[in-house]
Amino acid sequence: MILIILLLLALVLLGFGFAMHLLWIAAAVVLIVWILGFARHRRGRNSSGRRYAGNRR
């Protein structure tokens, strides 16, 4: 009985570790996309600092 509990605990911990690893990879991908978005946003506009400067009335 204890062996089954230990095996189940090992499977749960293995699954948790795998899920955490995938979450770290997803967080790294989101960080890279976020940084690229900032770089693209800065390069493509003038230095006024306003996002929608053309829509003023």
Protein backbone atom coordinates (compact mmCIF):
# COMPACT_ATOMS: atom_id res chain seq x y z
CA MET A 1 0.00 0.00 0.00
CA ILE A 2 2.79 2.44 0.86
CA LEU A 3 4.51 1.62 -2.42
CA ILE A 4 1.39 2.62 -4.37
CA ILE A 5 1.16 5.90 -2.45
CA LEU A 6 4.82 6.64 -3.12
CA LEU A 7 4.39 5.87 -6.83
CA LEU A 8 1.34 8.14 -7.02
CA LEU A 9 3.24 10.89 -5.21
CA ALA A 10 6.15 10.50 -7.62
CA LEU A 11 3.77 10.74 -10.59
CA VAL A 12 2.13 13.86 -9.17
CA LEU A 13 5.48 15.52 -8.55
CA LEU A 14 6.71 14.54 -12.00
CA GLY A 15 3.57 16.00 -13.58
CA PHE A 16 3.93 19.17 -11.54
CA GLY A 17 7.56 19.56 -12.56
CA PHE A 18 6.70 19.03 -16.22
CA ALA A 19 3.88 21.59 -16.03
CA MET A 20 6.16 24.12 -14.34
CA HIS A 21 8.79 23.59 -17.02
CA LEU A 22 6.22 24.26 -19.73
CA LEU A 23 5.05 27.38 -17.89
CA TRP A 24 8.63 28.69 -17.76
CA ILE A 25 8.97 28.14 -21.51
CA ALA A 26 5.65 29.90 -22.16
CA ALA A 27 6.72 32.82 -19.92
CA ALA A 28 9.99 33.17 -21.84
CA VAL A 29 8.15 33.20 -25.18
CA VAL A 30 5.69 35.84 -23.93
CA LEU A 31 8.58 37.96 -22.62
CA ILE A 32 10.36 37.82 -25.99
CA VAL A 33 7.18 38.77 -27.87
CA TRP A 34 6.56 41.62 -25.41
CA ILE A 35 10.09 43.00 -25.86
CA LEU A 36 9.82 42.71 -29.64
CA GLY A 37 6.51 44.59 -29.47
CA PHE A 38 8.17 47.44 -27.57
CA ALA A 39 11.04 47.57 -30.08
CA ARG A 40 8.65 47.56 -33.03
CA HIS A 41 6.43 50.20 -31.44
CA ARG A 42 9.34 52.54 -30.71
CA ARG A 43 10.82 52.22 -34.18
CA GLY A 44 7.59 52.82 -36.08
CA ARG A 45 6.49 56.19 -34.71
CA ASN A 46 7.74 59.67 -34.14
CA SER A 47 9.05 60.86 -30.80
CA SER A 48 5.90 62.70 -29.69
CA GLY A 49 4.96 60.17 -27.02
CA ARG A 50 1.27 60.14 -27.94
CA ARG A 51 -0.16 56.93 -29.23
CA TYR A 52 -3.11 58.30 -31.20
CA ALA A 53 -1.92 61.80 -32.01
CA GLY A 54 -3.63 61.79 -35.43
CA ASN A 55 -7.16 61.45 -34.00
CA ARG A 56 -7.31 64.79 -32.15
CA ARG A 57 -10.10 67.25 -32.93
